[in-house]
Amino acid sequence: ARYARSEGAKVALCGHTHHSYLGQKWGVGVCNPGSCGMGMIPTYGILTLNRGNWDFRVYPVYEEEA
């Protein structure tokens, strides 16, 4: 997040922890989609950009069965 801020970014995408995360650090949105194959609940993320605004959501890879 510090490097992203120094480059003028509003959002930073990261990974490697295998845990999803959405938050802010040093004034930059930090988005980690988690892991689509490792971890207890496989997840993925979708980042949507619209006229300078961003939205990030994390979804499970597998939907729960009823």
N, C-alpha and C. Protein backbone atom coordinates (compact mmCIF):
# COMPACT_ATOMS: atom_id res chain seq x y z
N ALA A 1 0.82 -1.19 0.00
CA ALA A 1 0.00 0.00 0.00
C ALA A 1 0.87 1.26 0.00
N ARG A 2 1.98 1.22 0.72
CA ARG A 2 2.87 2.40 0.72
C ARG A 2 3.41 2.67 -0.66
N TYR A 3 3.86 1.63 -1.33
CA TYR A 3 4.40 1.81 -2.69
C TYR A 3 3.30 2.29 -3.63
N ALA A 4 2.13 1.70 -3.54
CA ALA A 4 1.01 2.12 -4.39
C ALA A 4 0.72 3.61 -4.18
N ARG A 5 0.72 4.04 -2.93
CA ARG A 5 0.48 5.46 -2.63
C ARG A 5 1.57 6.34 -3.22
N SER A 6 2.82 5.89 -3.12
CA SER A 6 3.92 6.70 -3.65
C SER A 6 3.84 6.84 -5.16
N GLU A 7 3.15 5.91 -5.81
CA GLU A 7 2.97 5.96 -7.27
C GLU A 7 1.66 6.64 -7.66
N GLY A 8 0.91 7.13 -6.67
CA GLY A 8 -0.34 7.83 -6.95
C GLY A 8 -1.55 6.93 -7.15
N ALA A 9 -1.42 5.65 -6.78
CA ALA A 9 -2.54 4.72 -6.95
C ALA A 9 -3.59 4.90 -5.86
N LYS A 10 -4.82 4.63 -6.19
CA LYS A 10 -5.92 4.67 -5.22
C LYS A 10 -6.24 3.29 -4.67
N VAL A 11 -5.82 2.25 -5.40
CA VAL A 11 -6.10 0.89 -4.98
C VAL A 11 -4.91 0.00 -5.32
N ALA A 12 -4.64 -0.99 -4.45
CA ALA A 12 -3.56 -1.95 -4.68
C ALA A 12 -4.15 -3.36 -4.63
N LEU A 13 -3.80 -4.16 -5.62
CA LEU A 13 -4.23 -5.56 -5.65
C LEU A 13 -3.07 -6.42 -5.18
N CYS A 14 -3.36 -7.37 -4.33
CA CYS A 14 -2.29 -8.23 -3.82
C CYS A 14 -2.82 -9.64 -3.62
N GLY A 15 -1.96 -10.50 -3.21
CA GLY A 15 -2.34 -11.89 -2.99
C GLY A 15 -1.33 -12.57 -2.12
N HIS A 16 -1.17 -13.86 -2.31
CA HIS A 16 -0.19 -14.72 -1.69
C HIS A 16 -0.58 -15.18 -0.28
N THR A 17 -1.44 -14.50 0.43
CA THR A 17 -1.79 -14.90 1.80
C THR A 17 -2.82 -16.02 1.82
N HIS A 18 -3.53 -16.22 0.71
CA HIS A 18 -4.59 -17.22 0.61
C HIS A 18 -5.80 -16.88 1.49
N HIS A 19 -5.88 -15.65 1.96
CA HIS A 19 -7.03 -15.17 2.74
C HIS A 19 -7.52 -13.88 2.09
N SER A 20 -8.83 -13.79 1.87
CA SER A 20 -9.35 -12.57 1.26
C SER A 20 -9.26 -11.41 2.24
N TYR A 21 -9.07 -10.22 1.69
CA TYR A 21 -8.95 -9.01 2.52
C TYR A 21 -9.40 -7.82 1.70
N LEU A 22 -10.14 -6.95 2.34
CA LEU A 22 -10.51 -5.67 1.75
C LEU A 22 -10.42 -4.63 2.85
N GLY A 23 -9.59 -3.64 2.64
CA GLY A 23 -9.42 -2.60 3.65
C GLY A 23 -8.63 -1.43 3.09
N GLN A 24 -8.23 -0.54 3.98
CA GLN A 24 -7.44 0.61 3.57
C GLN A 24 -6.20 0.71 4.44
N LYS A 25 -5.10 1.03 3.80
CA LYS A 25 -3.84 1.29 4.51
C LYS A 25 -3.19 2.48 3.85
N TRP A 26 -2.75 3.42 4.64
CA TRP A 26 -2.07 4.62 4.15
C TRP A 26 -2.87 5.33 3.05
N GLY A 27 -4.19 5.31 3.18
CA GLY A 27 -5.05 6.01 2.22
C GLY A 27 -5.25 5.30 0.89
N VAL A 28 -4.86 4.03 0.82
CA VAL A 28 -4.99 3.26 -0.41
C VAL A 28 -5.89 2.05 -0.12
N GLY A 29 -6.84 1.78 -1.01
CA GLY A 29 -7.65 0.57 -0.88
C GLY A 29 -6.80 -0.64 -1.17
N VAL A 30 -6.86 -1.66 -0.32
CA VAL A 30 -6.08 -2.88 -0.50
C VAL A 30 -7.05 -4.03 -0.72
N CYS A 31 -6.88 -4.73 -1.84
CA CYS A 31 -7.79 -5.81 -2.22
C CYS A 31 -7.00 -7.10 -2.44
N ASN A 32 -7.37 -8.13 -1.71
CA ASN A 32 -6.78 -9.45 -1.88
C ASN A 32 -7.94 -10.42 -2.10
N PRO A 33 -8.01 -11.07 -3.26
CA PRO A 33 -9.15 -11.94 -3.55
C PRO A 33 -9.13 -13.26 -2.81
N GLY A 34 -8.07 -13.59 -2.11
CA GLY A 34 -7.99 -14.87 -1.43
C GLY A 34 -7.32 -15.89 -2.33
N SER A 35 -7.87 -17.10 -2.36
CA SER A 35 -7.27 -18.17 -3.16
C SER A 35 -8.37 -19.01 -3.79
N CYS A 36 -8.26 -19.25 -5.08
CA CYS A 36 -9.29 -20.03 -5.76
C CYS A 36 -9.05 -21.53 -5.63
N GLY A 37 -7.93 -21.94 -5.03
CA GLY A 37 -7.67 -23.36 -4.93
C GLY A 37 -7.11 -23.80 -3.60
N MET A 38 -6.63 -22.85 -2.80
CA MET A 38 -6.07 -23.19 -1.50
C MET A 38 -6.86 -22.47 -0.43
N GLY A 39 -6.69 -22.87 0.79
CA GLY A 39 -7.42 -22.24 1.88
C GLY A 39 -8.71 -23.00 2.17
N MET A 40 -9.35 -22.63 3.23
CA MET A 40 -10.55 -23.35 3.66
C MET A 40 -11.75 -23.09 2.75
N ILE A 41 -11.92 -21.84 2.34
CA ILE A 41 -13.03 -21.48 1.45
C ILE A 41 -12.43 -20.82 0.22
N PRO A 42 -12.38 -21.52 -0.92
CA PRO A 42 -11.83 -20.91 -2.14
C PRO A 42 -12.65 -19.70 -2.58
N THR A 43 -11.97 -18.61 -2.88
CA THR A 43 -12.65 -17.37 -3.27
C THR A 43 -11.93 -16.73 -4.46
N TYR A 44 -12.64 -15.81 -5.09
CA TYR A 44 -12.05 -14.99 -6.16
C TYR A 44 -12.62 -13.58 -6.01
N GLY A 45 -11.98 -12.60 -6.64
CA GLY A 45 -12.43 -11.23 -6.53
C GLY A 45 -12.70 -10.60 -7.88
N ILE A 46 -13.59 -9.64 -7.88
CA ILE A 46 -13.88 -8.85 -9.08
C ILE A 46 -13.73 -7.38 -8.72
N LEU A 47 -12.87 -6.69 -9.46
CA LEU A 47 -12.66 -5.26 -9.28
C LEU A 47 -13.36 -4.54 -10.43
N THR A 48 -14.22 -3.60 -10.10
CA THR A 48 -14.93 -2.81 -11.10
C THR A 48 -14.49 -1.36 -10.98
N LEU A 49 -14.07 -0.79 -12.09
CA LEU A 49 -13.66 0.62 -12.14
C LEU A 49 -14.69 1.39 -12.94
N ASN A 50 -15.09 2.56 -12.43
CA ASN A 50 -16.08 3.37 -13.12
C ASN A 50 -15.81 4.84 -12.85
N ARG A 51 -15.26 5.52 -13.83
CA ARG A 51 -15.02 6.97 -13.74
C ARG A 51 -14.24 7.38 -12.49
N GLY A 52 -13.18 6.67 -12.23
CA GLY A 52 -12.33 7.02 -11.10
C GLY A 52 -12.75 6.39 -9.78
N ASN A 53 -13.88 5.75 -9.74
CA ASN A 53 -14.34 5.05 -8.54
C ASN A 53 -14.10 3.56 -8.72
N TRP A 54 -13.91 2.85 -7.62
CA TRP A 54 -13.68 1.42 -7.71
C TRP A 54 -14.54 0.69 -6.70
N ASP A 55 -14.85 -0.56 -7.04
CA ASP A 55 -15.62 -1.44 -6.17
C ASP A 55 -14.98 -2.82 -6.27
N PHE A 56 -14.73 -3.45 -5.14
CA PHE A 56 -14.11 -4.76 -5.12
C PHE A 56 -14.98 -5.69 -4.30
N ARG A 57 -15.27 -6.85 -4.85
CA ARG A 57 -16.09 -7.84 -4.14
C ARG A 57 -15.43 -9.20 -4.22
N VAL A 58 -15.57 -9.96 -3.16
CA VAL A 58 -15.03 -11.31 -3.07
C VAL A 58 -16.20 -12.29 -3.08
N TYR A 59 -16.05 -13.35 -3.87
CA TYR A 59 -17.10 -14.36 -4.01
C TYR A 59 -16.53 -15.75 -3.76
N PRO A 60 -17.34 -16.66 -3.22
CA PRO A 60 -16.88 -18.04 -3.09
C PRO A 60 -16.82 -18.72 -4.45
N VAL A 61 -15.86 -19.61 -4.65
CA VAL A 61 -15.75 -20.34 -5.91
C VAL A 61 -16.93 -21.29 -6.07
N TYR A 62 -17.30 -21.92 -4.98
CA TYR A 62 -18.41 -22.87 -5.02
C TYR A 62 -19.58 -22.31 -4.23
N GLU A 63 -20.76 -22.34 -4.82
CA GLU A 63 -21.95 -21.89 -4.11
C GLU A 63 -22.42 -23.00 -3.17
N GLU A 64 -22.94 -22.58 -2.03
CA GLU A 64 -23.46 -23.56 -1.07
C GLU A 64 -24.72 -24.21 -1.65
N GLU A 65 -24.83 -25.49 -1.40
CA GLU A 65 -26.03 -26.20 -1.86
C GLU A 65 -27.09 -26.13 -0.78
N ALA A 66 -28.35 -26.03 -1.21
CA ALA A 66 -29.47 -25.93 -0.25
C ALA A 66 -29.76 -27.25 0.40
